[in-house]
Amino acid sequence: MLRRTVLKGLGAASLCRLAGQAPSSTVAAPLEIPYGAAVQDGPLRGNAAYRDALTSHCQLLVGEGGLKWADVRPAPDLFVFDQPDRLLAFAAEHGMRMRGHTLAWYAAMPDWALAIRGADEAERELTHHIETVVARYRGRIPSWDVVNEPIAENPGLLSYPLRESVWQEALGSRYVELALQTAARVDPAAQLVVNEYDVEMHDPAHRRKRGALLDLVKALKDNDAPLHAIGLQGHLRGGMEVDRDGLSAFVSELAQMGVGVLVTEMDVIDKELPAPDEERDQAVAALARDFLSAICDGARPTAILTWGITDSYTWVPIWFSRDDGRPNRPLPLDVNYRRKALMDVIDSFRV
């Protein structure tokens, strides 16, 4: 019931502008912030409990894979849309919306794309890719992570703040604007997002990255690029402190430029957190509360998504398995699909 209440009146035009516009005078109060999760294709097809969790809790879905270049375009002249088509059909069947992830990224590239050289080839392939993918889902996927993770890991220590990639090497920073312009031309109603991580914690590397991202946004807005929102991924680091003042000021500056924010991939990397489940779950929830509070102090986020919904399916142990051998607990539901304190925190910020 909550899912349909949130989405009532959220047609394509309104959800496409998840980027924080003022409510119409005919609306008495802001809509509840939709919650969503990243979805893996395997369990979506084969795990009924997983599907039930998504339909019970989510209003938005995004594919963990399926629209990344290696999945959707394994060869220059071959586009494979089976995964995103399947997820979109599931979302539509259950009254949910789908976000698109992602159109331009440095990673998950097929070998043929890594061999792209020169500005002409890069512009041709990037433009063709975005035109083809966005056109297929025009009016059905209302929000896109157009450019994913464009900022270098330590931009303040480098002479150039953008991350190395096929696109950056061939086109420089122009690739970000090109990607946004192409997507806007194909689907003028879609919300266009630049998505980034490691900008929220209280340490020099995060502050440098946040500053470089703000500089990129200012440059894009100065050029009238169609950027509607910044996606704050929110892969929060247990044992580190959220820079509440810095993050709030960042979100406020974005709002002043007419750029909204949404939380796109939140989870908590719990490698350094206490071992007992209940204690660790409370620490995870507290960190998420600090993160969401800081964002809300700057501007209301227009969506909150976690990168997965259950601890059964998460990327965290691939890179951050615990030294004590205990399973990671980064997500709102445990391996038995029971809600944890993190879900309670998320719900508390949605109204």
Protein backbone atom coordinates (compact mmCIF):
# COMPACT_ATOMS: atom_id res chain seq x y z
CA MET A 1 0.00 0.00 0.00
CA LEU A 2 2.82 2.43 0.83
CA ARG A 3 4.40 1.89 -2.58
CA ARG A 4 1.26 2.91 -4.45
CA THR A 5 0.59 5.83 -2.10
CA VAL A 6 4.02 7.26 -2.82
CA LEU A 7 3.70 6.82 -6.56
CA LYS A 8 0.17 8.14 -6.87
CA GLY A 9 0.45 11.15 -9.16
CA LEU A 10 4.12 10.41 -9.90
CA GLY A 11 3.79 10.20 -13.65
CA ALA A 12 6.69 10.45 -16.05
CA ALA A 13 6.86 14.24 -15.95
CA SER A 14 7.11 14.49 -12.17
CA LEU A 15 9.42 11.54 -11.54
CA CYS A 16 11.67 12.67 -14.37
CA ARG A 17 12.26 15.79 -12.34
CA LEU A 18 13.28 13.99 -9.16
CA ALA A 19 15.61 16.99 -8.80
CA GLY A 20 13.75 18.97 -6.18
CA GLN A 21 11.42 21.43 -7.82
CA ALA A 22 8.97 23.30 -5.61
CA PRO A 23 5.59 21.59 -5.28
CA SER A 24 2.69 22.90 -7.34
CA SER A 25 0.28 25.24 -5.61
CA THR A 26 -2.35 22.53 -6.04
CA VAL A 27 -0.33 20.13 -3.85
CA ALA A 28 -0.74 20.58 -0.12
CA ALA A 29 2.54 18.95 0.91
CA PRO A 30 5.61 17.36 -0.70
CA LEU A 31 5.24 13.78 -1.80
CA GLU A 32 6.91 11.16 0.30
CA ILE A 33 10.44 10.46 -0.88
CA PRO A 34 10.42 7.20 -2.85
CA TYR A 35 12.67 4.38 -1.67
CA GLY A 36 14.35 1.97 -4.05
CA ALA A 37 17.04 -0.66 -4.37
CA ALA A 38 19.52 -2.00 -6.87
CA VAL A 39 18.48 -5.35 -8.31
CA GLN A 40 20.51 -8.36 -9.42
CA ASP A 41 19.11 -10.19 -12.42
CA GLY A 42 19.75 -13.73 -11.15
CA PRO A 43 17.71 -13.59 -7.93
CA LEU A 44 15.07 -11.48 -9.65
CA ARG A 45 14.42 -14.43 -11.96
CA GLY A 46 14.88 -17.26 -9.48
CA ASN A 47 14.17 -16.14 -5.91
CA ALA A 48 10.58 -15.53 -4.87
CA ALA A 49 11.56 -14.11 -1.46
CA TYR A 50 13.82 -11.57 -3.18
CA ARG A 51 11.02 -10.49 -5.52
CA ASP A 52 8.61 -10.21 -2.61
CA ALA A 53 11.05 -8.01 -0.70
CA LEU A 54 11.32 -5.64 -3.65
CA THR A 55 7.57 -5.42 -4.14
CA SER A 56 6.95 -4.96 -0.41
CA HIS A 57 9.43 -2.16 0.19
CA CYS A 58 10.37 -0.40 -3.05
CA GLN A 59 8.94 2.28 -5.28
CA LEU A 60 12.06 2.53 -7.46
CA LEU A 61 14.38 -0.09 -8.92
CA VAL A 62 17.74 0.17 -10.64
CA GLY A 63 19.73 -2.63 -12.22
CA GLU A 64 23.10 -3.48 -10.70
CA GLY A 65 23.98 -4.54 -14.22
CA GLY A 66 22.26 -4.80 -17.55
CA LEU A 67 22.77 -1.24 -18.78
CA LYS A 68 26.51 -1.05 -18.25
CA TRP A 69 28.42 -1.16 -21.52
CA ALA A 70 29.81 -4.67 -21.04
CA ASP A 71 26.27 -6.02 -20.62
CA VAL A 72 24.24 -3.99 -23.05
CA ARG A 73 26.77 -3.57 -25.86
CA PRO A 74 29.22 -6.48 -26.01
CA ALA A 75 30.12 -5.69 -29.63
CA PRO A 76 30.11 -2.42 -31.59
CA ASP A 77 26.98 -3.29 -33.57
CA LEU A 78 25.21 -5.44 -30.96
CA PHE A 79 22.88 -4.15 -28.25
CA VAL A 80 21.47 -6.68 -25.78
CA PHE A 81 18.52 -5.42 -23.75
CA ASP A 82 17.28 -8.60 -22.07
CA GLN A 83 18.19 -7.63 -18.49
CA PRO A 84 16.86 -4.06 -18.49
CA ASP A 85 13.74 -5.15 -20.36
CA ARG A 86 13.10 -7.81 -17.73
CA LEU A 87 13.59 -5.39 -14.84
CA LEU A 88 11.43 -2.73 -16.44
CA ALA A 89 8.62 -5.24 -16.99
CA PHE A 90 8.84 -6.35 -13.35
CA ALA A 91 8.77 -2.75 -12.15
CA ALA A 92 5.79 -1.87 -14.33
CA GLU A 93 3.89 -4.97 -13.23
CA HIS A 94 4.24 -3.96 -9.59
CA GLY A 95 3.64 -0.22 -9.85
CA MET A 96 7.29 0.80 -9.56
CA ARG A 97 9.59 3.02 -11.60
CA MET A 98 13.07 2.22 -12.89
CA ARG A 99 16.24 4.30 -12.98
CA GLY A 100 18.86 3.82 -15.71
CA HIS A 101 22.45 3.05 -14.71
CA THR A 102 24.68 4.02 -16.52
CA LEU A 103 25.42 5.64 -19.90
CA ALA A 104 29.07 6.70 -19.50
CA TRP A 105 31.52 5.13 -17.03
CA TYR A 106 35.20 4.33 -16.92
CA ALA A 107 34.58 0.69 -15.85
CA ALA A 108 32.57 -2.35 -17.03
CA MET A 109 33.67 -1.68 -20.59
CA PRO A 110 33.96 -4.41 -23.25
CA ASP A 111 37.37 -4.90 -24.80
CA TRP A 112 36.34 -3.34 -28.09
CA ALA A 113 35.30 -0.11 -26.34
CA LEU A 114 38.56 0.08 -24.39
CA ALA A 115 40.31 0.20 -27.77
CA ILE A 116 38.52 3.41 -28.84
CA ARG A 117 41.05 6.04 -29.80
CA GLY A 118 40.79 9.66 -30.88
CA ALA A 119 38.14 12.31 -30.41
CA ASP A 120 36.15 11.50 -33.56
CA GLU A 121 35.73 7.80 -32.76
CA ALA A 122 35.00 8.47 -29.09
CA GLU A 123 32.35 11.07 -29.84
CA ARG A 124 30.75 8.87 -32.49
CA GLU A 125 30.55 5.77 -30.28
CA LEU A 126 29.45 7.59 -27.12
CA THR A 127 26.76 9.52 -28.97
CA HIS A 128 25.50 6.43 -30.82
CA HIS A 129 25.37 4.45 -27.60
CA ILE A 130 23.39 7.04 -25.66
CA GLU A 131 21.05 7.72 -28.56
CA THR A 132 20.27 4.02 -28.96
CA VAL A 133 19.82 3.16 -25.29
CA VAL A 134 17.87 6.24 -24.21
CA ALA A 135 15.64 6.11 -27.29
CA ARG A 136 14.63 2.52 -26.48
CA TYR A 137 13.44 3.55 -23.01
CA ARG A 138 12.24 7.09 -23.74
CA GLY A 139 9.26 7.84 -21.53
CA ARG A 140 9.70 4.56 -19.61
CA ILE A 141 12.96 5.15 -17.71
CA PRO A 142 12.51 8.66 -16.31
CA SER A 143 15.88 9.10 -14.57
CA TRP A 144 19.40 8.27 -15.78
CA ASP A 145 22.86 8.15 -14.24
CA VAL A 146 24.25 9.68 -17.39
CA VAL A 147 27.85 9.88 -16.16
CA ASN A 148 29.05 7.64 -13.36
CA GLU A 149 32.03 8.42 -11.13
CA PRO A 150 33.79 11.07 -13.25
CA ILE A 151 36.03 12.42 -10.47
CA ALA A 152 39.53 11.04 -9.81
CA GLU A 153 40.28 9.36 -6.48
CA ASN A 154 42.59 12.15 -5.26
CA PRO A 155 41.75 15.14 -7.44
CA GLY A 156 43.49 17.62 -5.17
CA LEU A 157 46.76 15.75 -5.64
CA LEU A 158 46.52 15.58 -9.43
CA SER A 159 46.92 18.15 -12.17
CA TYR A 160 43.59 17.03 -13.70
CA PRO A 161 40.55 16.30 -11.53
CA LEU A 162 38.70 13.86 -13.82
CA ARG A 163 39.23 10.12 -13.60
CA GLU A 164 41.14 8.45 -16.42
CA SER A 165 38.86 6.73 -18.90
CA VAL A 166 38.45 6.14 -22.60
CA TRP A 167 36.18 9.18 -22.70
CA GLN A 168 38.38 11.51 -20.70
CA GLU A 169 41.50 10.56 -22.66
CA ALA A 170 39.85 11.16 -26.02
CA LEU A 171 37.52 14.07 -25.26
CA GLY A 172 38.69 15.61 -21.98
CA SER A 173 36.03 17.04 -19.71
CA ARG A 174 33.86 17.70 -22.76
CA TYR A 175 32.64 14.11 -22.63
CA VAL A 176 30.48 14.84 -19.57
CA GLU A 177 28.67 17.69 -21.29
CA LEU A 178 28.39 15.69 -24.52
CA ALA A 179 26.77 12.78 -22.70
CA LEU A 180 24.26 15.05 -20.96
CA GLN A 181 23.39 16.93 -24.14
CA THR A 182 22.89 13.73 -26.10
CA ALA A 183 20.60 12.19 -23.48
CA ALA A 184 18.59 15.42 -23.23
CA ARG A 185 18.15 15.58 -26.99
CA VAL A 186 16.80 12.02 -27.13
CA ASP A 187 14.51 12.28 -24.08
CA PRO A 188 13.91 15.91 -23.08
CA ALA A 189 11.68 14.83 -20.16
CA ALA A 190 14.25 12.60 -18.46
CA GLN A 191 16.07 13.56 -15.30
CA LEU A 192 19.82 13.58 -16.00
CA VAL A 193 22.22 12.78 -13.17
CA VAL A 194 25.96 12.75 -12.55
CA ASN A 195 26.58 10.00 -9.99
CA GLU A 196 29.58 9.97 -7.58
CA TYR A 197 30.90 8.33 -4.41
CA ASP A 198 33.23 9.18 -1.51
CA VAL A 199 32.17 12.79 -1.04
CA GLU A 200 30.50 12.57 2.38
CA MET A 201 33.03 11.58 5.03
CA HIS A 202 35.18 13.74 7.27
CA ASP A 203 38.65 13.21 5.78
CA PRO A 204 40.85 15.12 3.29
CA ALA A 205 40.29 12.75 0.37
CA HIS A 206 36.51 13.06 0.59
CA ARG A 207 36.72 16.85 0.92
CA ARG A 208 38.96 17.09 -2.15
CA LYS A 209 36.62 14.92 -4.18
CA ARG A 210 33.58 16.90 -3.05
CA GLY A 211 35.29 20.12 -4.09
CA ALA A 212 36.22 18.73 -7.50
CA LEU A 213 32.66 17.53 -8.06
CA LEU A 214 31.31 20.97 -7.15
CA ASP A 215 33.74 22.56 -9.62
CA LEU A 216 32.50 20.19 -12.33
CA VAL A 217 28.88 21.09 -11.61
CA LYS A 218 29.68 24.81 -11.77
CA ALA A 219 31.43 24.38 -15.12
CA LEU A 220 28.52 22.38 -16.52
CA LYS A 221 25.96 24.94 -15.34
CA ASP A 222 28.06 27.80 -16.71
CA ASN A 223 27.81 26.06 -20.11
CA ASP A 224 24.05 25.50 -19.70
CA ALA A 225 24.49 21.75 -19.72
CA PRO A 226 21.28 19.82 -18.95
CA LEU A 227 22.30 18.57 -15.51
CA HIS A 228 19.35 18.12 -13.17
CA ALA A 229 20.76 16.33 -10.13
CA ILE A 230 23.80 14.85 -8.44
CA GLY A 231 23.56 11.26 -7.31
CA LEU A 232 25.22 10.81 -3.93
CA GLN A 233 26.02 7.12 -3.87
CA GLY A 234 26.51 6.87 -0.12
CA HIS A 235 28.77 3.83 0.26
CA LEU A 236 29.36 4.84 3.87
CA ARG A 237 32.51 3.76 5.68
CA GLY A 238 31.99 2.29 9.12
CA GLY A 239 34.53 3.72 11.54
CA MET A 240 34.59 7.10 9.74
CA GLU A 241 32.57 10.21 10.52
CA VAL A 242 30.16 11.93 8.15
CA ASP A 243 31.22 15.51 7.45
CA ARG A 244 27.82 16.90 8.26
CA ASP A 245 28.69 20.57 7.83
CA GLY A 246 30.65 20.02 4.64
CA LEU A 247 28.03 17.76 3.06
CA SER A 248 25.17 20.08 3.99
CA ALA A 249 27.01 23.07 2.53
CA PHE A 250 27.68 21.10 -0.68
CA VAL A 251 24.01 20.16 -1.07
CA SER A 252 22.99 23.76 -0.37
CA GLU A 253 25.32 25.05 -3.08
CA LEU A 254 23.86 22.57 -5.53
CA ALA A 255 20.35 23.73 -4.66
CA GLN A 256 21.34 27.35 -5.24
CA MET A 257 22.42 26.36 -8.77
CA GLY A 258 19.13 24.57 -9.39
CA VAL A 259 20.68 21.11 -9.09
CA GLY A 260 18.90 18.54 -6.94
CA VAL A 261 20.26 15.52 -5.10
CA LEU A 262 19.22 11.93 -4.71
CA VAL A 263 20.81 9.10 -2.77
CA THR A 264 21.54 6.42 -5.35
CA GLU A 265 23.52 3.51 -3.83
CA MET A 266 23.52 3.71 -0.05
CA ASP A 267 24.93 0.92 2.10
CA VAL A 268 27.37 0.77 5.00
CA ILE A 269 30.75 -0.91 4.72
CA ASP A 270 30.82 -2.58 8.13
CA LYS A 271 34.30 -4.12 8.07
CA GLU A 272 35.45 -1.97 11.02
CA LEU A 273 32.21 -2.06 13.02
CA PRO A 274 31.56 -4.22 16.13
CA ALA A 275 30.94 -7.94 15.66
CA PRO A 276 27.60 -8.52 17.49
CA ASP A 277 24.74 -8.24 15.02
CA GLU A 278 22.51 -5.92 17.05
CA GLU A 279 25.33 -3.57 17.98
CA ARG A 280 26.58 -3.49 14.41
CA ASP A 281 23.11 -2.89 13.00
CA GLN A 282 22.67 0.09 15.32
CA ALA A 283 26.05 1.50 14.24
CA VAL A 284 25.08 1.06 10.57
CA ALA A 285 21.78 2.85 11.19
CA ALA A 286 23.46 5.70 13.08
CA LEU A 287 25.89 6.33 10.24
CA ALA A 288 23.06 6.37 7.69
CA ARG A 289 21.11 8.75 9.93
CA ASP A 290 24.04 11.18 10.01
CA PHE A 291 24.40 10.99 6.23
CA LEU A 292 20.72 11.56 5.48
CA SER A 293 20.45 14.30 8.11
CA ALA A 294 23.34 16.18 6.55
CA ILE A 295 21.73 15.99 3.12
CA CYS A 296 18.35 17.12 4.44
CA ASP A 297 19.97 20.08 6.18
CA GLY A 298 21.02 21.28 2.72
CA ALA A 299 18.02 20.26 0.62
CA ARG A 300 15.38 17.55 0.52
CA PRO A 301 16.64 14.51 -1.41
CA THR A 302 14.19 13.37 -4.04
CA ALA A 303 14.90 9.63 -3.81
CA ILE A 304 16.73 7.24 -1.51
CA LEU A 305 18.07 4.02 -2.99
CA THR A 306 20.29 1.36 -1.44
CA TRP A 307 22.69 -0.78 -3.45
CA GLY A 308 20.73 -3.94 -2.86
CA ILE A 309 17.99 -4.71 -0.37
CA THR A 310 19.15 -7.84 1.46
CA ASP A 311 22.49 -8.90 2.92
CA SER A 312 22.16 -12.05 0.82
CA TYR A 313 23.11 -10.09 -2.31
CA THR A 314 25.70 -7.38 -1.79
CA TRP A 315 29.01 -6.35 -3.31
CA VAL A 316 30.51 -5.42 0.09
CA PRO A 317 32.16 -8.78 1.02
CA ILE A 318 33.89 -8.90 -2.36
CA TRP A 319 36.11 -5.97 -1.31
CA PHE A 320 35.48 -5.51 2.42
CA SER A 321 35.03 -8.90 4.07
CA ARG A 322 35.43 -8.81 7.82
CA ASP A 323 38.62 -10.04 9.45
CA ASP A 324 36.58 -11.98 12.03
CA GLY A 325 34.89 -13.99 9.29
CA ARG A 326 31.38 -12.86 10.21
CA PRO A 327 29.01 -12.00 7.34
CA ASN A 328 28.69 -8.37 6.35
CA ARG A 329 25.42 -6.61 7.23
CA PRO A 330 25.35 -3.49 5.01
CA LEU A 331 21.73 -3.40 3.84
CA PRO A 332 18.18 -2.78 5.17
CA LEU A 333 17.12 -6.46 5.28
CA ASP A 334 19.13 -9.39 6.66
CA VAL A 335 19.73 -12.68 4.86
CA ASN A 336 16.32 -13.90 6.02
CA TYR A 337 14.64 -10.74 4.69
CA ARG A 338 13.92 -9.36 8.16
CA ARG A 339 14.04 -5.58 8.40
CA LYS A 340 16.87 -4.03 10.37
CA ALA A 341 17.43 -0.65 11.98
CA LEU A 342 18.72 0.75 8.69
CA MET A 343 15.29 0.36 7.10
CA ASP A 344 13.71 2.18 10.04
CA VAL A 345 16.10 5.09 9.56
CA ILE A 346 15.37 5.27 5.82
CA ASP A 347 11.64 5.29 6.44
CA SER A 348 11.99 8.08 9.00
CA PHE A 349 13.47 10.41 6.35
CA ARG A 350 10.95 9.70 3.63
CA VAL A 351 8.04 11.74 4.99
